[in-house]
Amino acid sequence: MNTLRKQILIGLAALSMGTTAVGAMAQTQPQPQEGRHGHAMTMEQRQAKMAEMWQKHVTKLHDSLKLTSAQEPAWNTFVNAIKPQPMAKPDRAAWAALTAPQRMEKMIAMSKERTTRMESHLAALNTFYNQLTPEQKKTFDQQTLRSTWEGEHGGYGEHGMKKG
């Protein structure tokens, strides 16, 4: 009898928790706007956030390199050359009107433009890198490797978890 009473109490407790959860979910939720989740950022907001993060990264790198006044002009040229440009908002209607071969041609053209920008970045990087001392080069290599491969959270998809 005692076991039956415990099972009934457990069942009632589970039932009451379930009805509480349903009641909480039934409260009014803000409706998504413009087909996005309510918490999603617009393209402009994402670009502004990325620009802010980039500026923080550049400032941190600049501070850790301890550049001399003779190296500052090369730094400024380098930063101006690699500064990310805002993306243009894609015209979905124009893409939808293209045939598959036309879309592929457009993607190849965009890829070539990206390669050209990367080659320009490489030229600016080489010019700046050649101005650095061996110790500064070591710092630069370490800091840029971290941002490239590990991301801001400790990286490798582990969201800040320690490696090793």
N, C-alpha and C. Protein backbone atom coordinates (compact mmCIF):
# COMPACT_ATOMS: atom_id res chain seq x y z
N MET A 1 0.81 -1.20 0.00
CA MET A 1 0.00 0.00 0.00
C MET A 1 0.86 1.26 0.00
N ASN A 2 1.93 1.21 0.75
CA ASN A 2 2.82 2.34 0.84
C ASN A 2 3.45 2.65 -0.52
N THR A 3 3.81 1.60 -1.28
CA THR A 3 4.39 1.77 -2.60
C THR A 3 3.39 2.40 -3.56
N LEU A 4 2.15 1.98 -3.48
CA LEU A 4 1.11 2.55 -4.34
C LEU A 4 0.92 4.03 -4.04
N ARG A 5 0.94 4.39 -2.78
CA ARG A 5 0.77 5.79 -2.39
C ARG A 5 1.93 6.64 -2.95
N LYS A 6 3.16 6.12 -2.88
CA LYS A 6 4.33 6.84 -3.41
C LYS A 6 4.19 7.04 -4.92
N GLN A 7 3.74 6.01 -5.62
CA GLN A 7 3.59 6.11 -7.07
C GLN A 7 2.53 7.14 -7.43
N ILE A 8 1.46 7.18 -6.66
CA ILE A 8 0.41 8.17 -6.92
C ILE A 8 0.94 9.58 -6.68
N LEU A 9 1.69 9.77 -5.60
CA LEU A 9 2.27 11.08 -5.30
C LEU A 9 3.26 11.51 -6.38
N ILE A 10 4.08 10.58 -6.83
CA ILE A 10 5.04 10.89 -7.90
C ILE A 10 4.29 11.26 -9.18
N GLY A 11 3.24 10.52 -9.49
CA GLY A 11 2.44 10.82 -10.68
C GLY A 11 1.79 12.18 -10.60
N LEU A 12 1.24 12.53 -9.44
CA LEU A 12 0.62 13.85 -9.26
C LEU A 12 1.66 14.97 -9.35
N ALA A 13 2.84 14.73 -8.78
CA ALA A 13 3.90 15.74 -8.85
C ALA A 13 4.31 15.97 -10.30
N ALA A 14 4.49 14.89 -11.06
CA ALA A 14 4.86 15.01 -12.47
C ALA A 14 3.77 15.73 -13.26
N LEU A 15 2.52 15.39 -12.97
CA LEU A 15 1.40 16.03 -13.65
C LEU A 15 1.35 17.52 -13.35
N SER A 16 1.59 17.89 -12.09
CA SER A 16 1.54 19.31 -11.74
C SER A 16 2.69 20.07 -12.39
N MET A 17 3.88 19.45 -12.49
CA MET A 17 5.00 20.11 -13.17
C MET A 17 4.70 20.28 -14.65
N GLY A 18 4.07 19.30 -15.24
CA GLY A 18 3.73 19.38 -16.66
C GLY A 18 2.74 20.49 -16.94
N THR A 19 1.72 20.62 -16.09
CA THR A 19 0.74 21.69 -16.31
C THR A 19 1.35 23.06 -16.06
N THR A 20 2.30 23.16 -15.14
CA THR A 20 2.99 24.43 -14.91
C THR A 20 3.81 24.81 -16.14
N ALA A 21 4.49 23.83 -16.72
CA ALA A 21 5.30 24.10 -17.91
C ALA A 21 4.42 24.53 -19.09
N VAL A 22 3.27 23.87 -19.26
CA VAL A 22 2.35 24.24 -20.34
C VAL A 22 1.84 25.65 -20.13
N GLY A 23 1.52 25.99 -18.88
CA GLY A 23 1.05 27.34 -18.58
C GLY A 23 2.11 28.39 -18.88
N ALA A 24 3.36 28.08 -18.58
CA ALA A 24 4.44 29.02 -18.85
C ALA A 24 4.64 29.20 -20.35
N MET A 25 4.50 28.12 -21.11
CA MET A 25 4.67 28.21 -22.56
C MET A 25 3.51 28.94 -23.21
N ALA A 26 2.35 28.91 -22.57
CA ALA A 26 1.17 29.54 -23.15
C ALA A 26 1.19 31.05 -23.01
N GLN A 27 2.11 31.59 -22.20
CA GLN A 27 2.20 33.04 -22.07
C GLN A 27 2.57 33.63 -23.43
N THR A 28 2.17 34.86 -23.64
CA THR A 28 2.39 35.47 -24.95
C THR A 28 3.88 35.66 -25.20
N GLN A 29 4.31 35.28 -26.38
CA GLN A 29 5.69 35.43 -26.81
C GLN A 29 5.73 36.54 -27.85
N PRO A 30 6.82 37.33 -27.89
CA PRO A 30 6.91 38.33 -28.94
C PRO A 30 7.00 37.64 -30.30
N GLN A 31 6.29 38.16 -31.27
CA GLN A 31 6.25 37.55 -32.59
C GLN A 31 7.50 37.94 -33.38
N PRO A 32 8.07 37.00 -34.13
CA PRO A 32 9.21 37.33 -34.97
C PRO A 32 8.83 38.40 -35.99
N GLN A 33 9.79 39.27 -36.28
CA GLN A 33 9.55 40.35 -37.21
C GLN A 33 10.23 40.04 -38.54
N GLU A 34 9.59 40.37 -39.61
CA GLU A 34 10.15 40.26 -40.96
C GLU A 34 10.69 38.87 -41.25
N GLY A 35 10.04 37.84 -40.75
CA GLY A 35 10.45 36.48 -41.07
C GLY A 35 11.69 36.02 -40.31
N ARG A 36 12.20 36.83 -39.37
CA ARG A 36 13.37 36.44 -38.59
C ARG A 36 12.93 36.10 -37.17
N HIS A 37 13.80 35.42 -36.47
CA HIS A 37 13.56 35.22 -35.05
C HIS A 37 13.67 36.58 -34.39
N GLY A 38 12.98 36.78 -33.30
CA GLY A 38 12.99 38.06 -32.61
C GLY A 38 14.37 38.48 -32.15
N HIS A 39 15.25 37.53 -31.84
CA HIS A 39 16.58 37.86 -31.34
C HIS A 39 17.63 37.97 -32.45
N ALA A 40 17.27 37.65 -33.67
CA ALA A 40 18.23 37.66 -34.76
C ALA A 40 18.59 39.09 -35.14
N MET A 41 19.86 39.29 -35.49
CA MET A 41 20.32 40.61 -35.89
C MET A 41 20.11 40.81 -37.38
N THR A 42 19.94 42.05 -37.76
CA THR A 42 19.87 42.37 -39.18
C THR A 42 21.29 42.32 -39.75
N MET A 43 21.39 42.34 -41.06
CA MET A 43 22.69 42.33 -41.70
C MET A 43 23.53 43.52 -41.26
N GLU A 44 22.90 44.69 -41.15
CA GLU A 44 23.61 45.89 -40.73
C GLU A 44 24.11 45.77 -39.30
N GLN A 45 23.29 45.18 -38.43
CA GLN A 45 23.71 44.98 -37.04
C GLN A 45 24.88 44.01 -36.95
N ARG A 46 24.83 42.93 -37.74
CA ARG A 46 25.93 41.97 -37.74
C ARG A 46 27.21 42.63 -38.24
N GLN A 47 27.10 43.43 -39.31
CA GLN A 47 28.28 44.10 -39.84
C GLN A 47 28.86 45.09 -38.83
N ALA A 48 28.00 45.81 -38.12
CA ALA A 48 28.48 46.75 -37.10
C ALA A 48 29.18 46.00 -35.97
N LYS A 49 28.61 44.87 -35.57
CA LYS A 49 29.23 44.07 -34.50
C LYS A 49 30.57 43.52 -34.96
N MET A 50 30.63 43.02 -36.19
CA MET A 50 31.88 42.49 -36.72
C MET A 50 32.94 43.59 -36.83
N ALA A 51 32.54 44.79 -37.25
CA ALA A 51 33.48 45.91 -37.35
C ALA A 51 34.03 46.26 -35.97
N GLU A 52 33.16 46.23 -34.97
CA GLU A 52 33.59 46.52 -33.60
C GLU A 52 34.57 45.45 -33.10
N MET A 53 34.27 44.19 -33.37
CA MET A 53 35.16 43.10 -32.96
C MET A 53 36.50 43.20 -33.69
N TRP A 54 36.46 43.54 -34.98
CA TRP A 54 37.69 43.68 -35.75
C TRP A 54 38.54 44.80 -35.17
N GLN A 55 37.91 45.92 -34.84
CA GLN A 55 38.65 47.06 -34.28
C GLN A 55 39.29 46.69 -32.94
N LYS A 56 38.58 45.94 -32.11
CA LYS A 56 39.15 45.49 -30.84
C LYS A 56 40.36 44.59 -31.08
N HIS A 57 40.23 43.69 -32.05
CA HIS A 57 41.33 42.77 -32.36
C HIS A 57 42.54 43.55 -32.86
N VAL A 58 42.32 44.51 -33.75
CA VAL A 58 43.42 45.30 -34.30
C VAL A 58 44.09 46.11 -33.20
N THR A 59 43.30 46.69 -32.31
CA THR A 59 43.85 47.48 -31.20
C THR A 59 44.69 46.59 -30.28
N LYS A 60 44.18 45.41 -29.98
CA LYS A 60 44.92 44.48 -29.12
C LYS A 60 46.23 44.06 -29.78
N LEU A 61 46.18 43.77 -31.07
CA LEU A 61 47.39 43.39 -31.80
C LEU A 61 48.39 44.54 -31.81
N HIS A 62 47.92 45.74 -32.07
CA HIS A 62 48.79 46.92 -32.08
C HIS A 62 49.48 47.09 -30.73
N ASP A 63 48.71 46.99 -29.66
CA ASP A 63 49.27 47.16 -28.32
C ASP A 63 50.29 46.08 -27.98
N SER A 64 50.02 44.85 -28.38
CA SER A 64 50.93 43.76 -28.05
C SER A 64 52.21 43.80 -28.88
N LEU A 65 52.18 44.42 -30.05
CA LEU A 65 53.38 44.50 -30.89
C LEU A 65 54.37 45.54 -30.39
N LYS A 66 53.89 46.54 -29.64
CA LYS A 66 54.77 47.61 -29.12
C LYS A 66 55.58 48.22 -30.26
N LEU A 67 54.87 48.76 -31.22
CA LEU A 67 55.50 49.33 -32.41
C LEU A 67 56.28 50.60 -32.09
N THR A 68 57.34 50.81 -32.84
CA THR A 68 58.11 52.05 -32.73
C THR A 68 57.45 53.11 -33.61
N SER A 69 57.85 54.35 -33.41
CA SER A 69 57.27 55.42 -34.23
C SER A 69 57.64 55.24 -35.70
N ALA A 70 58.78 54.62 -35.98
CA ALA A 70 59.18 54.36 -37.37
C ALA A 70 58.30 53.29 -38.01
N GLN A 71 57.72 52.40 -37.20
CA GLN A 71 56.88 51.32 -37.73
C GLN A 71 55.42 51.73 -37.88
N GLU A 72 55.01 52.81 -37.25
CA GLU A 72 53.61 53.24 -37.27
C GLU A 72 53.06 53.48 -38.68
N PRO A 73 53.79 54.17 -39.57
CA PRO A 73 53.24 54.36 -40.92
C PRO A 73 52.96 53.03 -41.64
N ALA A 74 53.86 52.07 -41.48
CA ALA A 74 53.65 50.75 -42.11
C ALA A 74 52.43 50.06 -41.49
N TRP A 75 52.26 50.22 -40.18
CA TRP A 75 51.08 49.66 -39.50
C TRP A 75 49.81 50.26 -40.05
N ASN A 76 49.76 51.58 -40.15
CA ASN A 76 48.56 52.27 -40.64
C ASN A 76 48.22 51.85 -42.07
N THR A 77 49.24 51.73 -42.91
CA THR A 77 49.02 51.28 -44.29
C THR A 77 48.46 49.86 -44.30
N PHE A 78 49.04 49.00 -43.47
CA PHE A 78 48.59 47.61 -43.36
C PHE A 78 47.13 47.54 -42.92
N VAL A 79 46.79 48.26 -41.85
CA VAL A 79 45.42 48.21 -41.31
C VAL A 79 44.42 48.75 -42.32
N ASN A 80 44.77 49.83 -43.00
CA ASN A 80 43.86 50.38 -44.01
C ASN A 80 43.67 49.42 -45.18
N ALA A 81 44.71 48.67 -45.51
CA ALA A 81 44.62 47.74 -46.63
C ALA A 81 43.76 46.52 -46.30
N ILE A 82 43.78 46.09 -45.04
CA ILE A 82 43.05 44.86 -44.69
C ILE A 82 41.70 45.13 -44.06
N LYS A 83 41.35 46.39 -43.88
CA LYS A 83 40.08 46.72 -43.23
C LYS A 83 38.92 46.11 -44.02
N PRO A 84 38.07 45.33 -43.35
CA PRO A 84 36.95 44.70 -44.05
C PRO A 84 35.96 45.73 -44.58
N GLN A 85 35.48 45.49 -45.77
CA GLN A 85 34.48 46.36 -46.38
C GLN A 85 33.10 45.76 -46.14
N PRO A 86 32.10 46.60 -45.88
CA PRO A 86 30.75 46.05 -45.67
C PRO A 86 30.25 45.33 -46.92
N MET A 87 29.56 44.23 -46.68
CA MET A 87 28.99 43.48 -47.80
C MET A 87 27.76 44.18 -48.33
N ALA A 88 27.58 44.09 -49.63
CA ALA A 88 26.35 44.61 -50.23
C ALA A 88 25.24 43.60 -49.97
N LYS A 89 24.05 44.10 -49.76
CA LYS A 89 22.92 43.21 -49.52
C LYS A 89 22.61 42.45 -50.82
N PRO A 90 22.56 41.13 -50.75
CA PRO A 90 22.32 40.36 -51.97
C PRO A 90 20.91 40.60 -52.52
N ASP A 91 20.83 40.67 -53.83
CA ASP A 91 19.54 40.86 -54.49
C ASP A 91 19.00 39.47 -54.84
N ARG A 92 18.16 38.95 -53.98
CA ARG A 92 17.64 37.59 -54.16
C ARG A 92 16.84 37.44 -55.45
N ALA A 93 16.12 38.47 -55.82
CA ALA A 93 15.32 38.39 -57.04
C ALA A 93 16.22 38.26 -58.26
N ALA A 94 17.33 39.01 -58.27
CA ALA A 94 18.26 38.94 -59.40
C ALA A 94 18.89 37.55 -59.48
N TRP A 95 19.26 36.98 -58.32
CA TRP A 95 19.83 35.64 -58.32
C TRP A 95 18.81 34.61 -58.79
N ALA A 96 17.58 34.76 -58.38
CA ALA A 96 16.54 33.81 -58.77
C ALA A 96 16.28 33.86 -60.27
N ALA A 97 16.51 35.01 -60.89
CA ALA A 97 16.26 35.16 -62.32
C ALA A 97 17.38 34.54 -63.17
N LEU A 98 18.53 34.26 -62.56
CA LEU A 98 19.65 33.70 -63.31
C LEU A 98 19.47 32.20 -63.52
N THR A 99 20.04 31.72 -64.60
CA THR A 99 20.07 30.28 -64.84
C THR A 99 21.20 29.68 -64.00
N ALA A 100 21.24 28.38 -63.87
CA ALA A 100 22.28 27.71 -63.09
C ALA A 100 23.68 28.05 -63.61
N PRO A 101 23.93 27.99 -64.93
CA PRO A 101 25.26 28.37 -65.42
C PRO A 101 25.61 29.84 -65.13
N GLN A 102 24.61 30.72 -65.23
CA GLN A 102 24.87 32.14 -64.94
C GLN A 102 25.21 32.34 -63.47
N ARG A 103 24.51 31.63 -62.58
CA ARG A 103 24.82 31.73 -61.15
C ARG A 103 26.23 31.24 -60.88
N MET A 104 26.61 30.13 -61.53
CA MET A 104 27.96 29.59 -61.34
C MET A 104 29.00 30.59 -61.83
N GLU A 105 28.76 31.22 -62.99
CA GLU A 105 29.69 32.24 -63.50
C GLU A 105 29.81 33.40 -62.52
N LYS A 106 28.70 33.80 -61.96
CA LYS A 106 28.71 34.91 -61.00
C LYS A 106 29.48 34.51 -59.74
N MET A 107 29.30 33.28 -59.27
CA MET A 107 30.03 32.81 -58.09
C MET A 107 31.53 32.75 -58.37
N ILE A 108 31.91 32.33 -59.57
CA ILE A 108 33.33 32.29 -59.94
C ILE A 108 33.90 33.71 -59.97
N ALA A 109 33.15 34.66 -60.52
CA ALA A 109 33.60 36.05 -60.56
C ALA A 109 33.77 36.60 -59.14
N MET A 110 32.83 36.27 -58.25
CA MET A 110 32.94 36.72 -56.86
C MET A 110 34.16 36.09 -56.18
N SER A 111 34.42 34.84 -56.50
CA SER A 111 35.58 34.15 -55.94
C SER A 111 36.88 34.80 -56.42
N LYS A 112 36.92 35.19 -57.69
CA LYS A 112 38.10 35.87 -58.24
C LYS A 112 38.30 37.23 -57.57
N GLU A 113 37.21 37.94 -57.32
CA GLU A 113 37.32 39.23 -56.62
C GLU A 113 37.87 39.02 -55.21
N ARG A 114 37.42 37.99 -54.55
CA ARG A 114 37.91 37.69 -53.20
C ARG A 114 39.40 37.34 -53.24
N THR A 115 39.81 36.57 -54.23
CA THR A 115 41.23 36.22 -54.37
C THR A 115 42.06 37.48 -54.61
N THR A 116 41.56 38.39 -55.43
CA THR A 116 42.27 39.65 -55.68
C THR A 116 42.43 40.44 -54.39
N ARG A 117 41.36 40.51 -53.59
CA ARG A 117 41.45 41.22 -52.30
C ARG A 117 42.46 40.54 -51.38
N MET A 118 42.46 39.21 -51.36
CA MET A 118 43.41 38.49 -50.50
C MET A 118 44.84 38.72 -50.95
N GLU A 119 45.08 38.79 -52.26
CA GLU A 119 46.42 39.08 -52.77
C GLU A 119 46.87 40.48 -52.37
N SER A 120 45.93 41.42 -52.39
CA SER A 120 46.22 42.77 -51.93
C SER A 120 46.55 42.78 -50.44
N HIS A 121 45.80 42.01 -49.67
CA HIS A 121 46.08 41.89 -48.23
C HIS A 121 47.46 41.28 -48.00
N LEU A 122 47.81 40.27 -48.80
CA LEU A 122 49.11 39.62 -48.66
C LEU A 122 50.24 40.61 -48.94
N ALA A 123 50.09 41.42 -49.97
CA ALA A 123 51.12 42.42 -50.28
C ALA A 123 51.28 43.40 -49.12
N ALA A 124 50.17 43.86 -48.56
CA ALA A 124 50.23 44.78 -47.42
C ALA A 124 50.85 44.09 -46.21
N LEU A 125 50.49 42.83 -46.00
CA LEU A 125 51.03 42.06 -44.88
C LEU A 125 52.54 41.91 -45.02
N ASN A 126 53.02 41.53 -46.21
CA ASN A 126 54.45 41.36 -46.42
C ASN A 126 55.21 42.66 -46.17
N THR A 127 54.68 43.77 -46.66
CA THR A 127 55.33 45.06 -46.46
C THR A 127 55.43 45.38 -44.97
N PHE A 128 54.35 45.20 -44.23
CA PHE A 128 54.35 45.47 -42.80
C PHE A 128 55.23 44.47 -42.05
N TYR A 129 55.08 43.21 -42.36
CA TYR A 129 55.80 42.14 -41.65
C TYR A 129 57.31 42.33 -41.75
N ASN A 130 57.78 42.81 -42.89
CA ASN A 130 59.21 43.04 -43.07
C ASN A 130 59.74 44.18 -42.21
N GLN A 131 58.86 45.01 -41.66
CA GLN A 131 59.25 46.11 -40.78
C GLN A 131 59.41 45.65 -39.33
N LEU A 132 58.92 44.46 -39.00
CA LEU A 132 58.90 44.00 -37.62
C LEU A 132 60.23 43.37 -37.20
N THR A 133 60.49 43.44 -35.90
CA THR A 133 61.64 42.76 -35.32
C THR A 133 61.29 41.28 -35.18
N PRO A 134 62.29 40.42 -34.97
CA PRO A 134 61.98 38.99 -34.79
C PRO A 134 61.00 38.73 -33.64
N GLU A 135 61.13 39.46 -32.54
CA GLU A 135 60.20 39.28 -31.41
C GLU A 135 58.79 39.72 -31.79
N GLN A 136 58.67 40.81 -32.52
CA GLN A 136 57.36 41.29 -32.98
C GLN A 136 56.74 40.31 -33.97
N LYS A 137 57.58 39.73 -34.82
CA LYS A 137 57.08 38.74 -35.78
C LYS A 137 56.50 37.53 -35.04
N LYS A 138 57.19 37.11 -33.98
CA LYS A 138 56.72 35.98 -33.19
C LYS A 138 55.36 36.31 -32.57
N THR A 139 55.23 37.50 -31.99
CA THR A 139 53.96 37.94 -31.40
C THR A 139 52.88 38.01 -32.46
N PHE A 140 53.20 38.60 -33.60
CA PHE A 140 52.24 38.74 -34.69
C PHE A 140 51.76 37.37 -35.16
N ASP A 141 52.70 36.45 -35.35
CA ASP A 141 52.35 35.10 -35.80
C ASP A 141 51.42 34.40 -34.81
N GLN A 142 51.72 34.52 -33.52
CA GLN A 142 50.88 33.88 -32.50
C GLN A 142 49.49 34.49 -32.45
N GLN A 143 49.42 35.82 -32.49
CA GLN A 143 48.12 36.49 -32.37
C GLN A 143 47.26 36.26 -33.60
N THR A 144 47.84 36.27 -34.77
CA THR A 144 47.03 36.09 -35.97
C THR A 144 46.65 34.63 -36.17
N LEU A 145 47.45 33.70 -35.70
CA LEU A 145 47.08 32.29 -35.78
C LEU A 145 45.87 32.02 -34.90
N ARG A 146 45.87 32.57 -33.70
CA ARG A 146 44.75 32.37 -32.77
C ARG A 146 43.46 32.89 -33.37
N SER A 147 43.48 34.08 -33.91
CA SER A 147 42.23 34.65 -34.43
C SER A 147 41.76 33.92 -35.68
N THR A 148 42.68 33.38 -36.44
CA THR A 148 42.30 32.70 -37.67
C THR A 148 41.72 31.32 -37.40
N TRP A 149 42.40 30.52 -36.58
CA TRP A 149 42.01 29.13 -36.43
C TRP A 149 41.16 28.85 -35.21
N GLU A 150 41.36 29.57 -34.13
CA GLU A 150 40.67 29.22 -32.90
C GLU A 150 39.46 30.09 -32.61
N GLY A 151 39.36 31.24 -33.21
CA GLY A 151 38.22 32.11 -32.95
C GLY A 151 38.31 32.80 -31.60
N GLU A 152 37.30 33.53 -31.27
CA GLU A 152 37.29 34.33 -30.05
C GLU A 152 36.92 33.53 -28.81
N HIS A 153 36.45 32.31 -28.96
CA HIS A 153 35.96 31.54 -27.82
C HIS A 153 36.88 30.41 -27.41
N GLY A 154 38.11 30.38 -27.88
CA GLY A 154 38.97 29.26 -27.55
C GLY A 154 38.96 28.21 -28.63
N GLY A 155 38.03 28.28 -29.49
CA GLY A 155 38.01 27.63 -30.76
C GLY A 155 37.80 26.15 -30.87
N TYR A 156 37.97 25.71 -32.09
CA TYR A 156 37.77 24.33 -32.50
C TYR A 156 36.37 23.85 -32.16
N GLY A 157 35.40 24.74 -32.15
CA GLY A 157 34.01 24.36 -31.93
C GLY A 157 33.69 24.01 -30.49
N GLU A 158 34.60 24.32 -29.57
CA GLU A 158 34.40 23.91 -28.19
C GLU A 158 33.85 25.03 -27.31
N HIS A 159 33.56 26.18 -27.86
CA HIS A 159 32.95 27.29 -27.13
C HIS A 159 33.68 27.62 -25.84
N GLY A 160 34.98 27.84 -25.95
CA GLY A 160 35.73 28.29 -24.80
C GLY A 160 36.28 27.19 -23.92
N MET A 161 36.05 25.94 -24.28
CA MET A 161 36.56 24.85 -23.46
C MET A 161 38.07 24.76 -23.64
N LYS A 162 38.76 24.41 -22.60
CA LYS A 162 40.21 24.30 -22.64
C LYS A 162 40.62 23.08 -23.44
N LYS A 163 41.69 23.25 -24.22
CA LYS A 163 42.24 22.12 -24.96
C LYS A 163 43.19 21.36 -24.05
N GLY A 164 43.34 20.07 -24.32
CA GLY A 164 44.33 19.28 -23.61
C GLY A 164 43.86 18.67 -22.44
